[in-house]
């Protein structure tokens, strides 16, 4: 069971990361200037970006995050490096959502929308992917980083969840 979850997580993460790197390149090459002048070029751009985002990259992201979450609880991995990895994954999710917003705006507004330089997304995506990879492979001792936080952030508070609602 654990091996199947790890395989699904790694496969989905590979597809998601490749998509996050390739989508900005595709949007830059196909979504600017003369490439967007004709209807056929715009239709091809819209189909490529929309289809790859909604049918390949986003489902891979959902599978990667879901399998990873199940693995965290199944293996009981709650170390500082894992929490740091989750922060990096949150950044990847935010950039994923931003790319989806750009695809939507470019498709809805066509010539009226001036697409920002999506290559900037690569400046965030590539380091985040490398940080996640390093954290998973090295599993560094990050207790020194934890010591930088105030004491009240390092210890559980032993309080009830507000509103009497418990997820378990």
C-alpha atoms as a PDB file:
ATOM      1  CA  UNK A   1       0.000   0.000   0.000  1.00  0.00           C
ATOM      2  CA  UNK A   2       2.750   2.478   0.951  1.00  0.00           C
ATOM      3  CA  UNK A   3       4.773   1.592  -2.146  1.00  0.00           C
ATOM      4  CA  UNK A   4       1.745   2.221  -4.391  1.00  0.00           C
ATOM      5  CA  UNK A   5       1.105   5.577  -2.697  1.00  0.00           C
ATOM      6  CA  UNK A   6       4.751   6.588  -3.112  1.00  0.00           C
ATOM      7  CA  UNK A   7       4.709   5.554  -6.785  1.00  0.00           C
ATOM      8  CA  UNK A   8       1.508   7.531  -7.420  1.00  0.00           C
ATOM      9  CA  UNK A   9       2.925  10.535  -5.547  1.00  0.00           C
ATOM     10  CA  UNK A  10       6.226  10.524  -7.446  1.00  0.00           C
ATOM     11  CA  UNK A  11       4.590   9.996 -10.850  1.00  0.00           C
ATOM     12  CA  UNK A  12       2.013  12.738 -10.288  1.00  0.00           C
ATOM     13  CA  UNK A  13       4.625  15.097  -8.860  1.00  0.00           C
ATOM     14  CA  UNK A  14       6.834  14.541 -11.900  1.00  0.00           C
ATOM     15  CA  UNK A  15       3.977  15.376 -14.277  1.00  0.00           C
ATOM     16  CA  UNK A  16       2.933  18.390 -12.190  1.00  0.00           C
ATOM     17  CA  UNK A  17       6.456  19.828 -11.962  1.00  0.00           C
ATOM     18  CA  UNK A  18       7.099  19.277 -15.677  1.00  0.00           C
ATOM     19  CA  UNK A  19       3.823  21.021 -16.454  1.00  0.00           C
ATOM     20  CA  UNK A  20       4.659  23.953 -14.181  1.00  0.00           C
ATOM     21  CA  UNK A  21       7.942  24.418 -16.033  1.00  0.00           C
ATOM     22  CA  UNK A  22       6.621  23.874 -19.556  1.00  0.00           C
ATOM     23  CA  UNK A  23       3.372  25.856 -19.277  1.00  0.00           C
ATOM     24  CA  UNK A  24       5.048  29.280 -18.853  1.00  0.00           C
ATOM     25  CA  UNK A  25       7.320  28.481 -21.793  1.00  0.00           C
ATOM     26  CA  UNK A  26       4.309  27.498 -23.911  1.00  0.00           C
ATOM     27  CA  UNK A  27       2.412  30.612 -22.858  1.00  0.00           C
ATOM     28  CA  UNK A  28       5.385  32.808 -23.703  1.00  0.00           C
ATOM     29  CA  UNK A  29       5.975  31.274 -27.124  1.00  0.00           C
ATOM     30  CA  UNK A  30       2.330  31.004 -28.181  1.00  0.00           C
ATOM     31  CA  UNK A  31       0.590  33.824 -26.330  1.00  0.00           C
ATOM     32  CA  UNK A  32       2.434  36.936 -27.378  1.00  0.00           C
ATOM     33  CA  UNK A  33       2.646  39.282 -30.315  1.00  0.00           C
ATOM     34  CA  UNK A  34       2.052  38.071 -33.841  1.00  0.00           C
ATOM     35  CA  UNK A  35       1.271  34.567 -32.628  1.00  0.00           C
ATOM     36  CA  UNK A  36      -2.090  35.839 -31.336  1.00  0.00           C
ATOM     37  CA  UNK A  37      -3.194  37.838 -34.380  1.00  0.00           C
ATOM     38  CA  UNK A  38      -5.227  35.249 -36.266  1.00  0.00           C
ATOM     39  CA  UNK A  39      -8.202  33.240 -35.061  1.00  0.00           C
ATOM     40  CA  UNK A  40      -6.520  29.915 -35.805  1.00  0.00           C
ATOM     41  CA  UNK A  41      -3.426  30.883 -33.805  1.00  0.00           C
ATOM     42  CA  UNK A  42      -5.573  32.060 -30.916  1.00  0.00           C
ATOM     43  CA  UNK A  43      -7.649  28.878 -31.003  1.00  0.00           C
ATOM     44  CA  UNK A  44      -4.513  26.748 -30.948  1.00  0.00           C
ATOM     45  CA  UNK A  45      -3.085  28.769 -28.041  1.00  0.00           C
ATOM     46  CA  UNK A  46      -6.359  28.527 -26.127  1.00  0.00           C
ATOM     47  CA  UNK A  47      -6.708  24.784 -26.727  1.00  0.00           C
ATOM     48  CA  UNK A  48      -3.081  23.994 -25.813  1.00  0.00           C
ATOM     49  CA  UNK A  49      -3.027  26.000 -22.612  1.00  0.00           C
ATOM     50  CA  UNK A  50      -6.543  25.179 -21.426  1.00  0.00           C
ATOM     51  CA  UNK A  51      -6.324  21.467 -22.203  1.00  0.00           C
ATOM     52  CA  UNK A  52      -2.884  20.994 -20.672  1.00  0.00           C
ATOM     53  CA  UNK A  53      -3.844  22.957 -17.539  1.00  0.00           C
ATOM     54  CA  UNK A  54      -7.245  21.370 -16.910  1.00  0.00           C
ATOM     55  CA  UNK A  55      -6.698  17.825 -18.175  1.00  0.00           C
ATOM     56  CA  UNK A  56      -3.069  17.088 -17.333  1.00  0.00           C
ATOM     57  CA  UNK A  57      -1.361  19.510 -14.932  1.00  0.00           C
ATOM     58  CA  UNK A  58      -4.179  20.195 -12.445  1.00  0.00           C
ATOM     59  CA  UNK A  59      -5.222  16.524 -12.036  1.00  0.00           C
ATOM     60  CA  UNK A  60      -1.566  15.606 -11.517  1.00  0.00           C
ATOM     61  CA  UNK A  61      -1.330  18.299  -8.839  1.00  0.00           C
ATOM     62  CA  UNK A  62      -4.416  16.961  -7.062  1.00  0.00           C
ATOM     63  CA  UNK A  63      -3.091  13.392  -7.134  1.00  0.00           C
ATOM     64  CA  UNK A  64       0.369  14.494  -5.945  1.00  0.00           C
ATOM     65  CA  UNK A  65      -0.984  16.525  -3.034  1.00  0.00           C
ATOM     66  CA  UNK A  66      -3.549  13.893  -2.045  1.00  0.00           C
ATOM     67  CA  UNK A  67      -1.090  10.989  -2.154  1.00  0.00           C
ATOM     68  CA  UNK A  68       1.497  13.075  -0.313  1.00  0.00           C
ATOM     69  CA  UNK A  69      -0.990  13.975   2.420  1.00  0.00           C
ATOM     70  CA  UNK A  70      -1.992  10.344   2.871  1.00  0.00           C
ATOM     71  CA  UNK A  71       1.697   9.375   3.051  1.00  0.00           C
ATOM     72  CA  UNK A  72       2.375  11.986   5.741  1.00  0.00           C
ATOM     73  CA  UNK A  73      -0.265  10.485   7.994  1.00  0.00           C
ATOM     74  CA  UNK A  74       0.395   6.856   7.045  1.00  0.00           C
ATOM     75  CA  UNK A  75       4.101   7.142   7.827  1.00  0.00           C
ATOM     76  CA  UNK A  76       3.748   9.672  10.639  1.00  0.00           C
ATOM     77  CA  UNK A  77       6.330  12.027   9.159  1.00  0.00           C
ATOM     78  CA  UNK A  78       5.899  15.308  11.012  1.00  0.00           C
ATOM     79  CA  UNK A  79       9.508  16.505  11.100  1.00  0.00           C
ATOM     80  CA  UNK A  80      10.617  20.093  10.555  1.00  0.00           C
ATOM     81  CA  UNK A  81      11.922  19.301   7.065  1.00  0.00           C
ATOM     82  CA  UNK A  82       8.451  18.010   6.101  1.00  0.00           C
ATOM     83  CA  UNK A  83       6.764  21.181   7.316  1.00  0.00           C
ATOM     84  CA  UNK A  84       9.322  23.205   5.342  1.00  0.00           C
ATOM     85  CA  UNK A  85       8.565  21.065   2.283  1.00  0.00           C
ATOM     86  CA  UNK A  86       4.851  21.783   2.721  1.00  0.00           C
ATOM     87  CA  UNK A  87       5.595  25.521   2.685  1.00  0.00           C
ATOM     88  CA  UNK A  88       7.463  25.086  -0.624  1.00  0.00           C
ATOM     89  CA  UNK A  89       4.585  23.012  -2.031  1.00  0.00           C
ATOM     90  CA  UNK A  90       2.198  25.798  -1.002  1.00  0.00           C
ATOM     91  CA  UNK A  91       4.282  28.176  -3.130  1.00  0.00           C
ATOM     92  CA  UNK A  92       4.016  25.750  -6.048  1.00  0.00           C
ATOM     93  CA  UNK A  93       0.233  25.648  -5.614  1.00  0.00           C
ATOM     94  CA  UNK A  94       0.079  29.463  -5.577  1.00  0.00           C
ATOM     95  CA  UNK A  95       2.086  29.701  -8.813  1.00  0.00           C
ATOM     96  CA  UNK A  96      -0.087  26.960 -10.315  1.00  0.00           C
ATOM     97  CA  UNK A  97      -3.189  29.039  -9.522  1.00  0.00           C
ATOM     98  CA  UNK A  98      -1.574  32.189 -10.965  1.00  0.00           C
ATOM     99  CA  UNK A  99      -0.826  30.399 -14.232  1.00  0.00           C
ATOM    100  CA  UNK A 100      -4.457  29.244 -14.358  1.00  0.00           C
ATOM    101  CA  UNK A 101      -5.559  32.849 -13.862  1.00  0.00           C
ATOM    102  CA  UNK A 102      -3.331  33.985 -16.732  1.00  0.00           C
ATOM    103  CA  UNK A 103      -4.737  31.266 -19.005  1.00  0.00           C
ATOM    104  CA  UNK A 104      -8.266  32.338 -18.127  1.00  0.00           C
ATOM    105  CA  UNK A 105      -7.572  36.038 -18.680  1.00  0.00           C
ATOM    106  CA  UNK A 106      -5.803  35.420 -21.993  1.00  0.00           C
ATOM    107  CA  UNK A 107      -8.697  33.271 -23.202  1.00  0.00           C
ATOM    108  CA  UNK A 108     -11.474  35.594 -22.083  1.00  0.00           C
ATOM    109  CA  UNK A 109     -10.004  38.941 -23.105  1.00  0.00           C
ATOM    110  CA  UNK A 110      -7.901  37.899 -26.096  1.00  0.00           C
ATOM    111  CA  UNK A 111      -6.318  41.034 -27.557  1.00  0.00           C
ATOM    112  CA  UNK A 112      -7.381  43.366 -24.743  1.00  0.00           C
ATOM    113  CA  UNK A 113      -5.353  41.420 -22.169  1.00  0.00           C
ATOM    114  CA  UNK A 114      -1.669  42.203 -21.962  1.00  0.00           C
ATOM    115  CA  UNK A 115      -0.096  39.080 -20.566  1.00  0.00           C
ATOM    116  CA  UNK A 116       2.669  39.736 -18.055  1.00  0.00           C
ATOM    117  CA  UNK A 117       6.008  38.064 -18.671  1.00  0.00           C
ATOM    118  CA  UNK A 118       5.097  34.520 -17.628  1.00  0.00           C
ATOM    119  CA  UNK A 119       8.760  33.630 -17.666  1.00  0.00           C
ATOM    120  CA  UNK A 120       8.812  35.249 -14.237  1.00  0.00           C
ATOM    121  CA  UNK A 121       6.898  32.204 -13.017  1.00  0.00           C
ATOM    122  CA  UNK A 122       9.975  30.123 -13.787  1.00  0.00           C
ATOM    123  CA  UNK A 123      11.965  32.258 -11.341  1.00  0.00           C
ATOM    124  CA  UNK A 124       9.656  31.003  -8.612  1.00  0.00           C
ATOM    125  CA  UNK A 125       8.790  27.525  -9.828  1.00  0.00           C
ATOM    126  CA  UNK A 126      12.275  26.144 -10.484  1.00  0.00           C
ATOM    127  CA  UNK A 127      13.729  27.093  -7.058  1.00  0.00           C
ATOM    128  CA  UNK A 128      10.643  25.714  -5.295  1.00  0.00           C
ATOM    129  CA  UNK A 129      10.923  22.410  -7.156  1.00  0.00           C
ATOM    130  CA  UNK A 130      14.624  22.211  -6.292  1.00  0.00           C
ATOM    131  CA  UNK A 131      13.938  22.997  -2.619  1.00  0.00           C
ATOM    132  CA  UNK A 132      11.302  20.257  -2.445  1.00  0.00           C
ATOM    133  CA  UNK A 133      13.635  17.784  -4.110  1.00  0.00           C
ATOM    134  CA  UNK A 134      16.506  18.699  -1.782  1.00  0.00           C
ATOM    135  CA  UNK A 135      14.343  18.467   1.347  1.00  0.00           C
ATOM    136  CA  UNK A 136      12.997  15.048   0.381  1.00  0.00           C
ATOM    137  CA  UNK A 137      16.355  13.579  -0.581  1.00  0.00           C
ATOM    138  CA  UNK A 138      18.528  15.138   2.133  1.00  0.00           C
ATOM    139  CA  UNK A 139      16.013  15.212   4.989  1.00  0.00           C
ATOM    140  CA  UNK A 140      18.205  17.788   6.722  1.00  0.00           C
ATOM    141  CA  UNK A 141      18.222  18.383  10.452  1.00  0.00           C
ATOM    142  CA  UNK A 142      16.436  21.705  10.694  1.00  0.00           C
ATOM    143  CA  UNK A 143      16.225  22.045  14.467  1.00  0.00           C
ATOM    144  CA  UNK A 144      18.429  25.151  14.257  1.00  0.00           C
ATOM    145  CA  UNK A 145      15.837  26.743  11.981  1.00  0.00           C
ATOM    146  CA  UNK A 146      13.077  25.808  14.413  1.00  0.00           C
ATOM    147  CA  UNK A 147      15.028  27.434  17.240  1.00  0.00           C
ATOM    148  CA  UNK A 148      14.768  30.789  15.436  1.00  0.00           C
ATOM    149  CA  UNK A 149      11.003  30.873  16.038  1.00  0.00           C
ATOM    150  CA  UNK A 150       9.577  32.159  19.327  1.00  0.00           C
ATOM    151  CA  UNK A 151       8.872  29.581  22.032  1.00  0.00           C
ATOM    152  CA  UNK A 152       5.076  29.886  21.718  1.00  0.00           C
ATOM    153  CA  UNK A 153       5.291  28.763  18.069  1.00  0.00           C
ATOM    154  CA  UNK A 154       7.385  25.722  18.918  1.00  0.00           C
ATOM    155  CA  UNK A 155       5.059  24.072  21.417  1.00  0.00           C
ATOM    156  CA  UNK A 156       1.485  22.796  21.092  1.00  0.00           C
ATOM    157  CA  UNK A 157      -1.003  24.884  23.032  1.00  0.00           C
ATOM    158  CA  UNK A 158      -3.230  21.988  24.252  1.00  0.00           C
ATOM    159  CA  UNK A 159      -6.386  23.881  23.342  1.00  0.00           C
ATOM    160  CA  UNK A 160      -9.607  22.763  21.744  1.00  0.00           C
ATOM    161  CA  UNK A 161     -10.332  23.604  18.125  1.00  0.00           C
ATOM    162  CA  UNK A 162     -12.502  26.776  18.100  1.00  0.00           C
ATOM    163  CA  UNK A 163     -16.233  26.292  17.734  1.00  0.00           C
ATOM    164  CA  UNK A 164     -16.253  22.763  19.102  1.00  0.00           C
ATOM    165  CA  UNK A 165     -15.625  21.317  15.651  1.00  0.00           C
ATOM    166  CA  UNK A 166     -13.177  18.486  15.365  1.00  0.00           C
ATOM    167  CA  UNK A 167     -12.039  17.065  12.007  1.00  0.00           C
ATOM    168  CA  UNK A 168     -11.572  13.589  13.497  1.00  0.00           C
END
